[in-house]
Amino acid sequence: MSSPAEAKTAAPKARPLSPHLQIYKPQITTTLSILHRIAGIVLSFGILVFTVWLAALASGPESYASFTSCAQSIVGQIVLFGISLAFFFHLCSGIRHLLWDSGKFMEIEQVYRTGYIVIGASLLLTLIVWLKVYGVSL
């Protein structure tokens, strides 16, 4: 047997490294999980935008006009589109998770199918809202 002093000075054993993200092929399950978290972060930013909108509304017509001009700019429209897409994606993904919590759609084929439904539904809902924003009748 070796003494504790010898154990401390011995070279560490070479251990295998755990597989990393670079090894695995991206799958819809992991991608949607990461996107769900990103959407939550975007929604946190969206709450700040909403708060600024409320503050501008409460501050009077000049402040509200200034906010409106920013929101109607190209950059403002892109930001608002991103927030609305994040909202609908997070909503649809959250409903999917609630269904999983009830024990439904747990087979791998159903997991993939509901993942694609989440993507399609969030894009469709975002598109419908933005078509209504621009006055396009459906």
N, C-alpha and C. Protein backbone atom coordinates (compact mmCIF):
# COMPACT_ATOMS: atom_id res chain seq x y z
N MET A 1 0.82 -1.19 0.00
CA MET A 1 0.00 0.00 0.00
C MET A 1 0.86 1.24 0.00
N SER A 2 0.37 2.26 -0.62
CA SER A 2 1.12 3.50 -0.66
C SER A 2 0.68 4.40 0.49
N SER A 3 1.61 5.22 0.89
CA SER A 3 1.30 6.13 1.98
C SER A 3 0.52 7.33 1.45
N PRO A 4 -0.17 8.07 2.32
CA PRO A 4 -0.92 9.26 1.87
C PRO A 4 -0.03 10.28 1.19
N ALA A 5 1.21 10.38 1.59
CA ALA A 5 2.12 11.34 0.97
C ALA A 5 2.41 10.94 -0.46
N GLU A 6 2.59 9.61 -0.69
CA GLU A 6 2.84 9.14 -2.06
C GLU A 6 1.61 9.33 -2.94
N ALA A 7 0.41 9.18 -2.38
CA ALA A 7 -0.82 9.34 -3.15
C ALA A 7 -0.99 10.77 -3.63
N LYS A 8 -0.55 11.72 -2.81
CA LYS A 8 -0.67 13.13 -3.19
C LYS A 8 0.30 13.49 -4.30
N THR A 9 1.45 12.85 -4.34
CA THR A 9 2.44 13.20 -5.34
C THR A 9 2.31 12.37 -6.61
N ALA A 10 1.49 11.34 -6.59
CA ALA A 10 1.33 10.49 -7.77
C ALA A 10 0.61 11.27 -8.87
N ALA A 11 0.97 10.95 -10.10
CA ALA A 11 0.32 11.61 -11.24
C ALA A 11 -1.15 11.20 -11.30
N PRO A 12 -2.03 12.14 -11.60
CA PRO A 12 -3.45 11.79 -11.69
C PRO A 12 -3.69 10.82 -12.85
N LYS A 13 -4.66 9.94 -12.65
CA LYS A 13 -5.00 8.98 -13.70
C LYS A 13 -5.65 9.72 -14.86
N ALA A 14 -5.33 9.27 -16.05
CA ALA A 14 -5.98 9.84 -17.24
C ALA A 14 -7.41 9.31 -17.30
N ARG A 15 -8.36 10.18 -17.18
CA ARG A 15 -9.76 9.78 -17.20
C ARG A 15 -10.38 10.20 -18.53
N PRO A 16 -11.34 9.42 -19.01
CA PRO A 16 -11.99 9.80 -20.27
C PRO A 16 -12.82 11.07 -20.07
N LEU A 17 -12.83 11.89 -21.08
CA LEU A 17 -13.62 13.11 -21.04
C LEU A 17 -15.06 12.78 -21.39
N SER A 18 -15.97 13.49 -20.77
CA SER A 18 -17.38 13.31 -21.12
C SER A 18 -17.62 13.86 -22.51
N PRO A 19 -18.57 13.26 -23.23
CA PRO A 19 -18.89 13.81 -24.55
C PRO A 19 -19.35 15.26 -24.43
N HIS A 20 -19.02 16.04 -25.40
CA HIS A 20 -19.33 17.47 -25.37
C HIS A 20 -20.28 17.81 -26.50
N LEU A 21 -20.77 19.04 -26.51
CA LEU A 21 -21.71 19.48 -27.53
C LEU A 21 -21.17 19.32 -28.95
N GLN A 22 -19.85 19.39 -29.08
CA GLN A 22 -19.26 19.30 -30.41
C GLN A 22 -19.36 17.89 -30.97
N ILE A 23 -19.58 16.90 -30.13
CA ILE A 23 -19.64 15.52 -30.57
C ILE A 23 -21.05 15.14 -31.01
N TYR A 24 -22.06 15.62 -30.29
CA TYR A 24 -23.43 15.23 -30.56
C TYR A 24 -24.01 15.96 -31.77
N LYS A 25 -24.80 15.24 -32.54
CA LYS A 25 -25.54 15.84 -33.64
C LYS A 25 -26.73 16.60 -33.04
N PRO A 26 -26.95 17.84 -33.44
CA PRO A 26 -28.08 18.60 -32.88
C PRO A 26 -29.40 17.89 -33.16
N GLN A 27 -30.24 17.83 -32.16
CA GLN A 27 -31.56 17.21 -32.28
C GLN A 27 -32.61 18.25 -31.96
N ILE A 28 -33.83 18.01 -32.43
CA ILE A 28 -34.89 18.98 -32.21
C ILE A 28 -35.18 19.15 -30.73
N THR A 29 -35.04 18.09 -29.95
CA THR A 29 -35.34 18.18 -28.52
C THR A 29 -34.37 19.13 -27.81
N THR A 30 -33.10 18.99 -28.08
CA THR A 30 -32.13 19.87 -27.42
C THR A 30 -32.23 21.29 -27.97
N THR A 31 -32.45 21.41 -29.27
CA THR A 31 -32.56 22.73 -29.88
C THR A 31 -33.75 23.50 -29.31
N LEU A 32 -34.91 22.83 -29.19
CA LEU A 32 -36.09 23.49 -28.65
C LEU A 32 -35.92 23.82 -27.18
N SER A 33 -35.21 22.98 -26.45
CA SER A 33 -34.95 23.27 -25.04
C SER A 33 -34.11 24.54 -24.90
N ILE A 34 -33.08 24.65 -25.70
CA ILE A 34 -32.23 25.84 -25.67
C ILE A 34 -33.01 27.07 -26.12
N LEU A 35 -33.82 26.92 -27.18
CA LEU A 35 -34.61 28.04 -27.68
C LEU A 35 -35.66 28.48 -26.66
N HIS A 36 -36.20 27.53 -25.91
CA HIS A 36 -37.17 27.88 -24.87
C HIS A 36 -36.52 28.79 -23.82
N ARG A 37 -35.30 28.47 -23.45
CA ARG A 37 -34.58 29.30 -22.47
C ARG A 37 -34.25 30.67 -23.06
N ILE A 38 -33.83 30.70 -24.31
CA ILE A 38 -33.52 31.97 -24.97
C ILE A 38 -34.78 32.82 -25.08
N ALA A 39 -35.90 32.18 -25.41
CA ALA A 39 -37.17 32.92 -25.52
C ALA A 39 -37.54 33.53 -24.16
N GLY A 40 -37.27 32.82 -23.08
CA GLY A 40 -37.53 33.38 -21.75
C GLY A 40 -36.68 34.61 -21.48
N ILE A 41 -35.44 34.58 -21.92
CA ILE A 41 -34.56 35.74 -21.75
C ILE A 41 -35.06 36.91 -22.59
N VAL A 42 -35.46 36.64 -23.83
CA VAL A 42 -36.00 37.69 -24.70
C VAL A 42 -37.26 38.28 -24.08
N LEU A 43 -38.10 37.44 -23.49
CA LEU A 43 -39.31 37.95 -22.85
C LEU A 43 -38.99 38.83 -21.64
N SER A 44 -37.91 38.54 -20.96
CA SER A 44 -37.48 39.41 -19.86
C SER A 44 -37.15 40.80 -20.40
N PHE A 45 -36.46 40.84 -21.54
CA PHE A 45 -36.20 42.11 -22.21
C PHE A 45 -37.51 42.75 -22.66
N GLY A 46 -38.45 41.93 -23.13
CA GLY A 46 -39.75 42.44 -23.57
C GLY A 46 -40.53 43.11 -22.46
N ILE A 47 -40.40 42.60 -21.23
CA ILE A 47 -41.05 43.24 -20.09
C ILE A 47 -40.48 44.64 -19.87
N LEU A 48 -39.18 44.79 -20.09
CA LEU A 48 -38.58 46.13 -19.97
C LEU A 48 -39.14 47.07 -21.03
N VAL A 49 -39.27 46.59 -22.26
CA VAL A 49 -39.85 47.40 -23.33
C VAL A 49 -41.29 47.77 -22.98
N PHE A 50 -42.04 46.82 -22.48
CA PHE A 50 -43.42 47.07 -22.07
C PHE A 50 -43.49 48.12 -20.96
N THR A 51 -42.58 48.04 -20.01
CA THR A 51 -42.53 49.01 -18.91
C THR A 51 -42.20 50.40 -19.42
N VAL A 52 -41.27 50.49 -20.37
CA VAL A 52 -40.94 51.79 -20.97
C VAL A 52 -42.14 52.34 -21.71
N TRP A 53 -42.89 51.47 -22.40
CA TRP A 53 -44.10 51.90 -23.10
C TRP A 53 -45.12 52.46 -22.11
N LEU A 54 -45.33 51.76 -20.99
CA LEU A 54 -46.27 52.24 -19.98
C LEU A 54 -45.81 53.57 -19.38
N ALA A 55 -44.51 53.68 -19.13
CA ALA A 55 -43.98 54.94 -18.57
C ALA A 55 -44.16 56.08 -19.57
N ALA A 56 -43.93 55.81 -20.85
CA ALA A 56 -44.12 56.85 -21.87
C ALA A 56 -45.59 57.24 -21.96
N LEU A 57 -46.46 56.27 -21.85
CA LEU A 57 -47.90 56.54 -21.90
C LEU A 57 -48.33 57.40 -20.72
N ALA A 58 -47.77 57.12 -19.55
CA ALA A 58 -48.13 57.88 -18.35
C ALA A 58 -47.47 59.26 -18.31
N SER A 59 -46.39 59.44 -19.07
CA SER A 59 -45.64 60.70 -19.02
C SER A 59 -46.20 61.80 -19.90
N GLY A 60 -47.13 61.46 -20.74
CA GLY A 60 -47.74 62.49 -21.56
C GLY A 60 -47.57 62.24 -23.05
N PRO A 61 -48.22 63.09 -23.86
CA PRO A 61 -48.24 62.89 -25.31
C PRO A 61 -46.87 62.97 -25.98
N GLU A 62 -46.00 63.85 -25.46
CA GLU A 62 -44.68 63.98 -26.09
C GLU A 62 -43.85 62.71 -25.89
N SER A 63 -43.85 62.19 -24.68
CA SER A 63 -43.10 60.96 -24.39
C SER A 63 -43.67 59.79 -25.18
N TYR A 64 -44.99 59.72 -25.23
CA TYR A 64 -45.61 58.62 -25.96
C TYR A 64 -45.31 58.71 -27.46
N ALA A 65 -45.32 59.92 -28.00
CA ALA A 65 -44.99 60.09 -29.42
C ALA A 65 -43.55 59.69 -29.69
N SER A 66 -42.65 60.00 -28.76
CA SER A 66 -41.25 59.62 -28.92
C SER A 66 -41.11 58.10 -28.91
N PHE A 67 -41.79 57.43 -27.98
CA PHE A 67 -41.73 55.97 -27.93
C PHE A 67 -42.32 55.38 -29.21
N THR A 68 -43.44 55.91 -29.64
CA THR A 68 -44.10 55.39 -30.84
C THR A 68 -43.21 55.52 -32.07
N SER A 69 -42.50 56.63 -32.19
CA SER A 69 -41.62 56.80 -33.35
C SER A 69 -40.48 55.79 -33.30
N CYS A 70 -39.98 55.49 -32.11
CA CYS A 70 -38.93 54.45 -31.98
C CYS A 70 -39.49 53.08 -32.32
N ALA A 71 -40.69 52.79 -31.82
CA ALA A 71 -41.29 51.48 -32.06
C ALA A 71 -41.64 51.27 -33.52
N GLN A 72 -41.93 52.36 -34.25
CA GLN A 72 -42.30 52.25 -35.65
C GLN A 72 -41.10 52.26 -36.60
N SER A 73 -39.92 52.48 -36.06
CA SER A 73 -38.72 52.44 -36.90
C SER A 73 -38.43 50.99 -37.29
N ILE A 74 -37.54 50.81 -38.25
CA ILE A 74 -37.18 49.46 -38.70
C ILE A 74 -36.62 48.64 -37.53
N VAL A 75 -35.71 49.24 -36.78
CA VAL A 75 -35.12 48.53 -35.63
C VAL A 75 -36.20 48.21 -34.60
N GLY A 76 -37.09 49.16 -34.33
CA GLY A 76 -38.18 48.93 -33.39
C GLY A 76 -39.09 47.81 -33.83
N GLN A 77 -39.39 47.76 -35.10
CA GLN A 77 -40.25 46.70 -35.63
C GLN A 77 -39.58 45.33 -35.52
N ILE A 78 -38.28 45.29 -35.77
CA ILE A 78 -37.54 44.02 -35.64
C ILE A 78 -37.54 43.56 -34.18
N VAL A 79 -37.32 44.49 -33.27
CA VAL A 79 -37.33 44.15 -31.84
C VAL A 79 -38.70 43.65 -31.42
N LEU A 80 -39.75 44.35 -31.82
CA LEU A 80 -41.11 43.94 -31.46
C LEU A 80 -41.48 42.60 -32.10
N PHE A 81 -41.03 42.37 -33.33
CA PHE A 81 -41.28 41.08 -33.98
C PHE A 81 -40.58 39.97 -33.20
N GLY A 82 -39.34 40.20 -32.81
CA GLY A 82 -38.60 39.20 -32.04
C GLY A 82 -39.25 38.90 -30.71
N ILE A 83 -39.75 39.93 -30.04
CA ILE A 83 -40.42 39.73 -28.76
C ILE A 83 -41.71 38.94 -28.95
N SER A 84 -42.46 39.27 -30.00
CA SER A 84 -43.71 38.53 -30.23
C SER A 84 -43.44 37.08 -30.63
N LEU A 85 -42.40 36.84 -31.42
CA LEU A 85 -42.04 35.47 -31.78
C LEU A 85 -41.61 34.70 -30.53
N ALA A 86 -40.82 35.33 -29.67
CA ALA A 86 -40.40 34.69 -28.43
C ALA A 86 -41.61 34.39 -27.54
N PHE A 87 -42.56 35.31 -27.51
CA PHE A 87 -43.76 35.10 -26.71
C PHE A 87 -44.53 33.87 -27.18
N PHE A 88 -44.81 33.79 -28.47
CA PHE A 88 -45.60 32.67 -28.98
C PHE A 88 -44.83 31.35 -28.91
N PHE A 89 -43.52 31.40 -29.13
CA PHE A 89 -42.73 30.17 -29.01
C PHE A 89 -42.73 29.68 -27.57
N HIS A 90 -42.51 30.60 -26.62
CA HIS A 90 -42.48 30.22 -25.21
C HIS A 90 -43.85 29.70 -24.77
N LEU A 91 -44.91 30.32 -25.26
CA LEU A 91 -46.27 29.87 -24.95
C LEU A 91 -46.51 28.46 -25.46
N CYS A 92 -46.23 28.23 -26.73
CA CYS A 92 -46.47 26.91 -27.33
C CYS A 92 -45.58 25.84 -26.69
N SER A 93 -44.35 26.18 -26.43
CA SER A 93 -43.44 25.25 -25.80
C SER A 93 -43.88 24.96 -24.36
N GLY A 94 -44.38 25.95 -23.68
CA GLY A 94 -44.89 25.75 -22.32
C GLY A 94 -46.10 24.83 -22.30
N ILE A 95 -46.99 24.98 -23.28
CA ILE A 95 -48.14 24.08 -23.39
C ILE A 95 -47.67 22.65 -23.64
N ARG A 96 -46.66 22.51 -24.47
CA ARG A 96 -46.07 21.19 -24.73
C ARG A 96 -45.55 20.57 -23.43
N HIS A 97 -44.87 21.36 -22.63
CA HIS A 97 -44.35 20.86 -21.36
C HIS A 97 -45.46 20.50 -20.39
N LEU A 98 -46.56 21.27 -20.40
CA LEU A 98 -47.70 20.92 -19.55
C LEU A 98 -48.31 19.58 -19.97
N LEU A 99 -48.37 19.35 -21.28
CA LEU A 99 -48.87 18.06 -21.76
C LEU A 99 -47.95 16.93 -21.33
N TRP A 100 -46.64 17.17 -21.38
CA TRP A 100 -45.68 16.16 -20.91
C TRP A 100 -45.89 15.90 -19.42
N ASP A 101 -46.12 16.97 -18.65
CA ASP A 101 -46.32 16.80 -17.22
C ASP A 101 -47.55 15.94 -16.91
N SER A 102 -48.52 15.95 -17.81
CA SER A 102 -49.71 15.11 -17.61
C SER A 102 -49.50 13.70 -18.17
N GLY A 103 -48.30 13.43 -18.68
CA GLY A 103 -47.98 12.09 -19.18
C GLY A 103 -48.33 11.84 -20.63
N LYS A 104 -48.67 12.88 -21.34
CA LYS A 104 -49.07 12.73 -22.74
C LYS A 104 -47.90 13.03 -23.67
N PHE A 105 -47.91 12.40 -24.84
CA PHE A 105 -46.94 12.65 -25.93
C PHE A 105 -45.50 12.36 -25.50
N MET A 106 -45.30 11.28 -24.77
CA MET A 106 -43.97 10.97 -24.26
C MET A 106 -43.19 9.99 -25.14
N GLU A 107 -43.84 9.38 -26.12
CA GLU A 107 -43.12 8.50 -27.05
C GLU A 107 -42.24 9.37 -27.94
N ILE A 108 -41.11 8.84 -28.36
CA ILE A 108 -40.12 9.65 -29.08
C ILE A 108 -40.70 10.25 -30.37
N GLU A 109 -41.53 9.49 -31.08
CA GLU A 109 -42.14 10.03 -32.32
C GLU A 109 -43.05 11.21 -31.99
N GLN A 110 -43.78 11.09 -30.87
CA GLN A 110 -44.68 12.16 -30.45
C GLN A 110 -43.90 13.38 -29.96
N VAL A 111 -42.78 13.13 -29.34
CA VAL A 111 -41.92 14.24 -28.88
C VAL A 111 -41.44 15.05 -30.07
N TYR A 112 -40.99 14.35 -31.11
CA TYR A 112 -40.54 15.05 -32.32
C TYR A 112 -41.70 15.76 -33.01
N ARG A 113 -42.85 15.08 -33.12
CA ARG A 113 -44.01 15.68 -33.80
C ARG A 113 -44.46 16.93 -33.07
N THR A 114 -44.58 16.86 -31.74
CA THR A 114 -45.01 18.05 -31.00
C THR A 114 -43.97 19.17 -31.08
N GLY A 115 -42.71 18.81 -31.22
CA GLY A 115 -41.67 19.83 -31.41
C GLY A 115 -41.88 20.61 -32.70
N TYR A 116 -42.16 19.88 -33.77
CA TYR A 116 -42.43 20.56 -35.04
C TYR A 116 -43.73 21.35 -34.99
N ILE A 117 -44.71 20.85 -34.24
CA ILE A 117 -45.96 21.60 -34.08
C ILE A 117 -45.70 22.91 -33.33
N VAL A 118 -44.85 22.87 -32.32
CA VAL A 118 -44.50 24.09 -31.56
C VAL A 118 -43.88 25.11 -32.50
N ILE A 119 -42.95 24.67 -33.33
CA ILE A 119 -42.30 25.59 -34.27
C ILE A 119 -43.33 26.19 -35.23
N GLY A 120 -44.14 25.32 -35.83
CA GLY A 120 -45.14 25.79 -36.80
C GLY A 120 -46.18 26.70 -36.17
N ALA A 121 -46.68 26.33 -35.00
CA ALA A 121 -47.70 27.13 -34.34
C ALA A 121 -47.16 28.49 -33.93
N SER A 122 -45.95 28.53 -33.41
CA SER A 122 -45.40 29.82 -32.98
C SER A 122 -45.16 30.74 -34.18
N LEU A 123 -44.67 30.17 -35.28
CA LEU A 123 -44.48 30.98 -36.49
C LEU A 123 -45.82 31.45 -37.05
N LEU A 124 -46.81 30.57 -37.06
CA LEU A 124 -48.13 30.92 -37.59
C LEU A 124 -48.80 32.00 -36.74
N LEU A 125 -48.76 31.84 -35.43
CA LEU A 125 -49.37 32.84 -34.55
C LEU A 125 -48.68 34.21 -34.67
N THR A 126 -47.36 34.19 -34.77
CA THR A 126 -46.62 35.45 -34.94
C THR A 126 -46.99 36.10 -36.27
N LEU A 127 -47.06 35.30 -37.31
CA LEU A 127 -47.43 35.83 -38.63
C LEU A 127 -48.83 36.42 -38.62
N ILE A 128 -49.77 35.74 -37.99
CA ILE A 128 -51.15 36.25 -37.92
C ILE A 128 -51.19 37.59 -37.19
N VAL A 129 -50.51 37.68 -36.07
CA VAL A 129 -50.50 38.95 -35.31
C VAL A 129 -49.90 40.07 -36.14
N TRP A 130 -48.79 39.81 -36.81
CA TRP A 130 -48.14 40.86 -37.57
C TRP A 130 -48.90 41.23 -38.83
N LEU A 131 -49.61 40.30 -39.41
CA LEU A 131 -50.49 40.64 -40.53
C LEU A 131 -51.61 41.54 -40.05
N LYS A 132 -52.14 41.27 -38.86
CA LYS A 132 -53.18 42.13 -38.28
C LYS A 132 -52.61 43.52 -37.94
N VAL A 133 -51.37 43.57 -37.44
CA VAL A 133 -50.73 44.84 -37.12
C VAL A 133 -50.66 45.72 -38.37
N TYR A 134 -50.32 45.11 -39.47
CA TYR A 134 -50.20 45.86 -40.73
C TYR A 134 -51.52 45.98 -41.49
N GLY A 135 -52.61 45.53 -40.88
CA GLY A 135 -53.94 45.73 -41.46
C GLY A 135 -54.29 44.79 -42.59
N VAL A 136 -53.63 43.67 -42.69
CA VAL A 136 -53.98 42.69 -43.72
C VAL A 136 -55.11 41.84 -43.20
N SER A 137 -56.19 41.77 -43.96
CA SER A 137 -57.33 40.95 -43.53
C SER A 137 -57.08 39.50 -43.92
N LEU A 138 -57.48 38.63 -43.02
CA LEU A 138 -57.26 37.20 -43.25
C LEU A 138 -58.53 36.51 -43.67
